[in-house]
Amino acid sequence: MALIAFNKPFGVLCQFSPERDGPPRHTLTDFIDFPGVYPAGRLDHDSEGLLLLTDDGRLQARIADPRHKLPKTYLVQVEGEPDAAALAALRKGVVLKDGPTLPALAERIDDPALWPRDPPIRVRKSVPDCWLSLTIREGRNRQVRRMTAAVGHPTLRLVRWSIGEWQVGDMSPGEWRQL
C-alpha cells in the first residue's frame, strides 16, 4: 500500500490528466512520478496545501468520504476581522444553499509562517485581513470559502494544513513524500 502526502501549490488541478477545454493548467503529473496512486479527496485549483494520494481504494474512501468525518484543518486568510458572533456562527454551523454545515472548530490565529503564494494575494490597504484555523468534518464543494463568505468574511487564501493525523508540516509547495 502506498500513501503519499503532497503540498499542492496554488493553481494545480487535483488530477493527473489535463483538461480538454480551457487554458492549459498544471496537474499532479507535473509533480508526482509515482504510478498507481490517486487523490483521496480534492482541493480546488485556487487552494493550497495537503493532498493525500493512495493506491488503496479502501483507504482512499476512508479519507475522502464525508461519512467517516475525518477532520480537515484549514488555515484561512479572510477579508476583514471576524468578531465573536462570526466565529460563533462558524462553530455552530452555517446555512449554505445546499443546507446547514456541521459545526466547525474555528479560531482566530496569528499569521502563520507559510511559504509565499505565487501569485500573491491582492492586498488592499483600506481593508484589513486576518487568519483563522477552521476544522471541518465534511467535504462539500468549496465549503470553507462558502462558510467564511456566509459570515461576511470572504476567503483570500486557503491552505489545507491537515487531514486526520497527517499534516503538510515542513513540505514546500510541489514537494511530496511517501508516508
Protein backbone atom coordinates (compact mmCIF):
# COMPACT_ATOMS: atom_id res chain seq x y z
CA MET A 1 0.00 0.00 0.00
CA ALA A 2 1.27 3.46 -0.90
CA LEU A 3 0.26 6.68 0.83
CA ILE A 4 1.70 9.97 -0.40
CA ALA A 5 1.45 13.43 1.15
CA PHE A 6 1.70 16.27 -1.37
CA ASN A 7 1.83 20.01 -0.71
CA LYS A 8 -0.32 21.16 -3.61
CA PRO A 9 0.67 24.57 -4.92
CA PHE A 10 -1.83 27.25 -5.92
CA GLY A 11 -3.11 26.76 -9.48
CA VAL A 12 -2.60 22.99 -9.70
CA LEU A 13 -5.51 20.70 -10.60
CA CYS A 14 -6.08 17.60 -8.42
CA GLN A 15 -5.97 15.22 -11.35
CA PHE A 16 -3.33 13.53 -13.47
CA SER A 17 -4.87 14.17 -16.89
CA PRO A 18 -5.03 17.64 -18.44
CA GLU A 19 -8.37 19.34 -19.03
CA ARG A 20 -9.65 19.19 -22.59
CA ASP A 21 -11.16 22.66 -22.65
CA GLY A 22 -9.82 25.94 -21.40
CA PRO A 23 -6.29 27.14 -20.80
CA PRO A 24 -3.58 24.60 -20.00
CA ARG A 25 -3.05 24.16 -16.25
CA HIS A 26 -0.60 22.26 -14.12
CA THR A 27 -1.77 18.84 -12.94
CA LEU A 28 -0.45 16.25 -10.49
CA THR A 29 1.59 14.74 -13.36
CA ASP A 30 3.82 17.83 -13.27
CA PHE A 31 4.87 16.98 -9.71
CA ILE A 32 4.28 13.34 -8.79
CA ASP A 33 6.02 10.44 -10.54
CA PHE A 34 4.60 7.53 -8.59
CA PRO A 35 2.48 5.06 -10.57
CA GLY A 36 -0.92 3.83 -9.47
CA VAL A 37 -1.85 6.45 -6.86
CA TYR A 38 -4.96 8.62 -6.94
CA PRO A 39 -6.09 11.61 -4.88
CA ALA A 40 -8.08 10.86 -1.73
CA GLY A 41 -10.28 13.94 -1.97
CA ARG A 42 -9.72 17.18 -3.78
CA LEU A 43 -8.52 20.72 -3.39
CA ASP A 44 -9.67 23.44 -5.77
CA HIS A 45 -7.05 24.82 -8.15
CA ASP A 46 -7.02 28.06 -6.13
CA SER A 47 -6.44 26.28 -2.81
CA GLU A 48 -3.11 25.05 -1.47
CA GLY A 49 -1.79 22.53 0.97
CA LEU A 50 -2.10 18.90 1.93
CA LEU A 51 -3.41 16.40 -0.59
CA LEU A 52 -3.18 12.68 0.15
CA LEU A 53 -2.80 10.14 -2.64
CA THR A 54 -3.01 6.37 -2.34
CA ASP A 55 -3.30 3.17 -4.34
CA ASP A 56 -5.57 1.63 -1.70
CA GLY A 57 -9.26 2.09 -2.56
CA ARG A 58 -10.47 1.42 0.99
CA LEU A 59 -8.07 3.98 2.45
CA GLN A 60 -9.00 6.46 -0.28
CA ALA A 61 -12.69 6.08 0.66
CA ARG A 62 -11.95 6.42 4.39
CA ILE A 63 -10.05 9.65 3.80
CA ALA A 64 -12.37 11.23 1.23
CA ASP A 65 -15.87 10.05 2.17
CA PRO A 66 -17.66 12.55 4.44
CA ARG A 67 -19.41 9.66 6.21
CA HIS A 68 -16.13 8.93 8.01
CA LYS A 69 -15.99 12.56 9.24
CA LEU A 70 -12.19 12.72 9.18
CA PRO A 71 -11.23 16.20 10.45
CA LYS A 72 -9.62 18.52 7.93
CA THR A 73 -7.94 21.67 9.23
CA TYR A 74 -7.51 24.73 7.04
CA LEU A 75 -5.55 27.91 7.58
CA VAL A 76 -7.76 30.60 6.08
CA GLN A 77 -6.86 34.19 5.36
CA VAL A 78 -10.10 36.16 5.31
CA GLU A 79 -11.07 39.68 4.42
CA GLY A 80 -11.91 41.74 7.46
CA GLU A 81 -11.65 40.80 11.11
CA PRO A 82 -14.34 38.33 12.24
CA ASP A 83 -15.93 39.22 15.56
CA ALA A 84 -17.11 36.80 18.24
CA ALA A 85 -20.51 36.43 16.54
CA ALA A 86 -18.95 35.39 13.21
CA LEU A 87 -16.71 32.83 14.91
CA ALA A 88 -19.68 31.54 16.95
CA ALA A 89 -21.68 31.10 13.73
CA LEU A 90 -18.87 29.00 12.21
CA ARG A 91 -18.67 26.94 15.39
CA LYS A 92 -22.42 26.34 15.37
CA GLY A 93 -22.59 25.62 11.63
CA VAL A 94 -23.82 27.97 8.94
CA VAL A 95 -26.62 27.57 6.45
CA LEU A 96 -25.44 27.34 2.85
CA LYS A 97 -27.53 26.97 -0.31
CA ASP A 98 -27.12 23.19 -0.09
CA GLY A 99 -28.13 23.07 3.59
CA PRO A 100 -26.57 23.62 7.01
CA THR A 101 -22.97 22.66 7.69
CA LEU A 102 -21.87 20.65 10.67
CA PRO A 103 -20.32 22.67 13.49
CA ALA A 104 -16.67 23.59 12.88
CA LEU A 105 -13.75 24.31 15.15
CA ALA A 106 -12.97 27.95 14.40
CA GLU A 107 -10.47 30.31 15.98
CA ARG A 108 -8.54 33.38 15.05
CA ILE A 109 -4.79 32.73 14.84
CA ASP A 110 -1.62 34.74 14.39
CA ASP A 111 -0.34 34.99 10.84
CA PRO A 112 1.14 31.54 10.13
CA ALA A 113 4.69 31.11 8.86
CA LEU A 114 3.76 29.87 5.39
CA TRP A 115 5.53 29.90 2.06
CA PRO A 116 4.78 32.87 -0.19
CA ARG A 117 1.90 32.27 -2.57
CA ASP A 118 2.57 32.59 -6.28
CA PRO A 119 0.84 34.76 -7.37
CA PRO A 120 0.47 36.71 -4.12
CA ILE A 121 -2.99 37.60 -2.90
CA ARG A 122 -4.25 41.08 -3.66
CA VAL A 123 -3.74 43.27 -0.61
CA ARG A 124 -5.94 46.32 -0.10
CA LYS A 125 -4.63 48.92 2.33
CA SER A 126 -8.15 50.03 3.27
CA VAL A 127 -9.44 46.51 4.08
CA PRO A 128 -7.87 44.55 6.94
CA ASP A 129 -7.45 40.80 6.86
CA CYS A 130 -6.69 38.08 9.38
CA TRP A 131 -6.12 34.35 9.65
CA LEU A 132 -8.41 31.65 11.01
CA SER A 133 -7.91 28.00 11.77
CA LEU A 134 -11.02 26.14 10.64
CA THR A 135 -11.56 22.40 11.13
CA ILE A 136 -14.45 20.71 9.37
CA ARG A 137 -15.61 17.10 9.09
CA GLU A 138 -17.39 17.40 5.77
CA GLY A 139 -16.08 17.98 2.29
CA ARG A 140 -18.61 19.88 0.25
CA ASN A 141 -17.59 21.74 -2.87
CA ARG A 142 -15.75 24.95 -1.86
CA GLN A 143 -17.21 24.56 1.62
CA VAL A 144 -14.70 26.61 3.61
CA ARG A 145 -14.89 29.50 1.15
CA ARG A 146 -18.68 29.44 1.28
CA MET A 147 -18.70 29.26 5.09
CA THR A 148 -16.44 32.29 5.56
CA ALA A 149 -18.44 34.24 2.96
CA ALA A 150 -21.68 33.32 4.77
CA VAL A 151 -20.40 35.06 7.92
CA GLY A 152 -19.29 38.13 5.94
CA HIS A 153 -15.58 37.39 5.55
CA PRO A 154 -14.60 36.16 2.08
CA THR A 155 -11.59 33.88 1.84
CA LEU A 156 -8.44 35.39 0.36
CA ARG A 157 -6.12 32.40 0.79
CA LEU A 158 -6.91 28.81 1.73
CA VAL A 159 -4.31 26.27 2.87
CA ARG A 160 -5.30 22.76 3.98
CA TRP A 161 -2.93 22.05 6.83
CA SER A 162 -4.03 18.59 7.95
CA ILE A 163 -6.28 15.63 7.24
CA GLY A 164 -6.80 13.45 10.29
CA GLU A 165 -3.35 12.63 11.67
CA TRP A 166 -1.47 13.74 8.54
CA GLN A 167 -0.04 17.27 8.20
CA VAL A 168 1.68 19.26 5.49
CA GLY A 169 4.43 20.02 8.01
CA ASP A 170 7.63 21.40 6.54
CA MET A 171 6.98 20.36 2.92
CA SER A 172 7.42 23.12 0.36
CA PRO A 173 4.80 23.68 -2.35
CA GLY A 174 5.19 20.99 -5.01
CA GLU A 175 7.02 18.63 -2.65
CA TRP A 176 5.72 15.14 -1.88
CA ARG A 177 6.79 12.28 0.30
CA GLN A 178 5.74 8.70 0.83
CA LEU A 179 4.26 8.08 4.28
